Amino acid sequence: MKGSKFVKWILLLVLLIITSQNCRLGSLYREDNYPGKLGKAEGSVEGKACAFSYLYLISTGDASIEEAKRISNITKIRSIDIQVHSILTFVIVRHCLILTGEIER
């Protein structure tokens, strides 16, 4: 009985250390935006391409520049941004690439 109580306290301590290690990691939920500019940031069209990862075991989607260009028909890129959402650090992770730009006619 005493041993199991000790194990519970150790597990609780480990959990607290993991979740408080770095707030930037967002152990329960994380939402980050990483802006990256190319030239002028103004653009009339926005394209978004996303990829998903589940438990770091299964990955699906295409978050490439080419996919975002294809979705939105952008021919001249003005800015590239990256957006990350995650739940429980690695259970579900979504990476999106967001392009803004122009469609040349």
Protein backbone atom coordinates (compact mmCIF):
# COMPACT_ATOMS: atom_id res chain seq x y z
CA MET A 1 0.00 0.00 0.00
CA LYS A 2 2.79 2.40 0.89
CA GLY A 3 4.67 1.60 -2.35
CA SER A 4 1.71 2.44 -4.59
CA LYS A 5 1.26 5.80 -2.85
CA PHE A 6 4.94 6.56 -3.50
CA VAL A 7 4.55 5.63 -7.20
CA LYS A 8 1.51 7.92 -7.48
CA TRP A 9 3.49 10.84 -6.03
CA ILE A 10 6.39 10.16 -8.43
CA LEU A 11 4.01 10.06 -11.42
CA LEU A 12 2.34 13.29 -10.28
CA LEU A 13 5.75 14.94 -9.92
CA VAL A 14 6.80 13.80 -13.39
CA LEU A 15 3.53 15.09 -14.86
CA LEU A 16 3.99 18.47 -13.18
CA ILE A 17 7.56 18.75 -14.46
CA ILE A 18 6.51 17.89 -18.01
CA THR A 19 3.58 20.32 -18.09
CA SER A 20 5.46 23.21 -16.49
CA GLN A 21 8.77 22.71 -18.29
CA ASN A 22 8.22 25.34 -20.97
CA CYS A 23 4.99 27.25 -21.44
CA ARG A 24 5.90 27.71 -25.11
CA LEU A 25 5.51 23.96 -25.68
CA GLY A 26 1.88 24.05 -24.62
CA SER A 27 1.48 20.60 -23.17
CA LEU A 28 -2.32 20.67 -23.30
CA TYR A 29 -3.04 23.03 -26.20
CA ARG A 30 -0.80 25.13 -28.42
CA GLU A 31 -1.54 27.72 -31.06
CA ASP A 32 1.36 29.59 -32.65
CA ASN A 33 1.76 31.80 -35.68
CA TYR A 34 5.14 32.32 -37.29
CA PRO A 35 5.01 35.23 -39.73
CA GLY A 36 7.52 35.40 -42.52
CA LYS A 37 7.60 38.26 -44.99
CA LEU A 38 8.72 38.32 -48.59
CA GLY A 39 8.73 41.81 -50.01
CA LYS A 40 5.53 43.74 -49.35
CA ALA A 41 3.06 41.81 -47.20
CA GLU A 42 -0.08 43.13 -48.87
CA GLY A 43 -1.86 40.63 -51.04
CA SER A 44 -5.40 40.35 -52.33
CA VAL A 45 -5.59 36.54 -52.25
CA GLU A 46 -4.89 34.08 -49.44
CA GLY A 47 -4.21 30.37 -49.78
CA LYS A 48 -3.96 27.88 -46.92
CA ALA A 49 -2.58 24.34 -47.09
CA CYS A 50 -2.50 22.10 -43.99
CA ALA A 51 -0.95 18.84 -42.83
CA PHE A 52 -2.00 16.81 -39.79
CA SER A 53 -0.14 14.43 -37.50
CA TYR A 54 -1.74 12.00 -35.06
CA LEU A 55 0.37 10.63 -32.17
CA TYR A 56 3.48 11.19 -34.31
CA LEU A 57 2.48 7.91 -35.99
CA ILE A 58 0.18 8.97 -38.81
CA SER A 59 0.71 12.03 -40.96
CA THR A 60 -1.58 13.28 -43.69
CA GLY A 61 -2.02 16.37 -45.83
CA ASP A 62 0.20 18.67 -47.84
CA ALA A 63 1.36 21.96 -46.31
CA SER A 64 3.67 22.91 -49.16
CA ILE A 65 3.96 26.22 -50.98
CA GLU A 66 2.96 24.52 -54.23
CA GLU A 67 -0.26 23.15 -52.67
CA ALA A 68 -1.20 26.56 -51.23
CA LYS A 69 -0.52 28.16 -54.63
CA ARG A 70 -2.65 25.51 -56.36
CA ILE A 71 -5.57 25.96 -53.94
CA SER A 72 -5.67 29.75 -54.32
CA ASN A 73 -4.25 30.18 -57.87
CA ILE A 74 -1.63 32.62 -56.55
CA THR A 75 1.08 33.41 -59.08
CA LYS A 76 2.97 36.14 -57.22
CA ILE A 77 3.70 35.42 -53.53
CA ARG A 78 3.78 38.38 -51.14
CA SER A 79 4.08 36.63 -47.75
CA ILE A 80 4.35 33.17 -46.23
CA ASP A 81 3.10 32.46 -42.71
CA ILE A 82 3.09 29.23 -40.71
CA GLN A 83 0.38 28.37 -38.20
CA VAL A 84 0.63 25.49 -35.70
CA HIS A 85 -2.13 24.04 -33.51
CA SER A 86 -1.57 21.07 -31.21
CA ILE A 87 -3.53 19.22 -28.57
CA LEU A 88 -1.66 17.45 -25.76
CA THR A 89 1.66 18.30 -27.42
CA PHE A 90 1.65 15.39 -29.89
CA VAL A 91 -1.78 13.74 -29.95
CA ILE A 92 -3.07 15.95 -32.77
CA VAL A 93 -0.88 18.50 -34.55
CA ARG A 94 -1.92 20.71 -37.47
CA HIS A 95 0.68 22.67 -39.47
CA CYS A 96 -0.69 25.16 -41.99
CA LEU A 97 1.17 27.24 -44.53
CA ILE A 98 -0.64 30.48 -45.40
CA LEU A 99 0.29 32.37 -48.55
CA THR A 100 -0.86 35.84 -49.48
CA GLY A 101 -0.27 37.16 -52.92
CA GLU A 102 -1.66 38.18 -56.28
CA ILE A 103 -3.20 36.43 -59.23
CA GLU A 104 -1.65 37.71 -62.44
CA ARG A 105 -3.93 37.72 -65.44
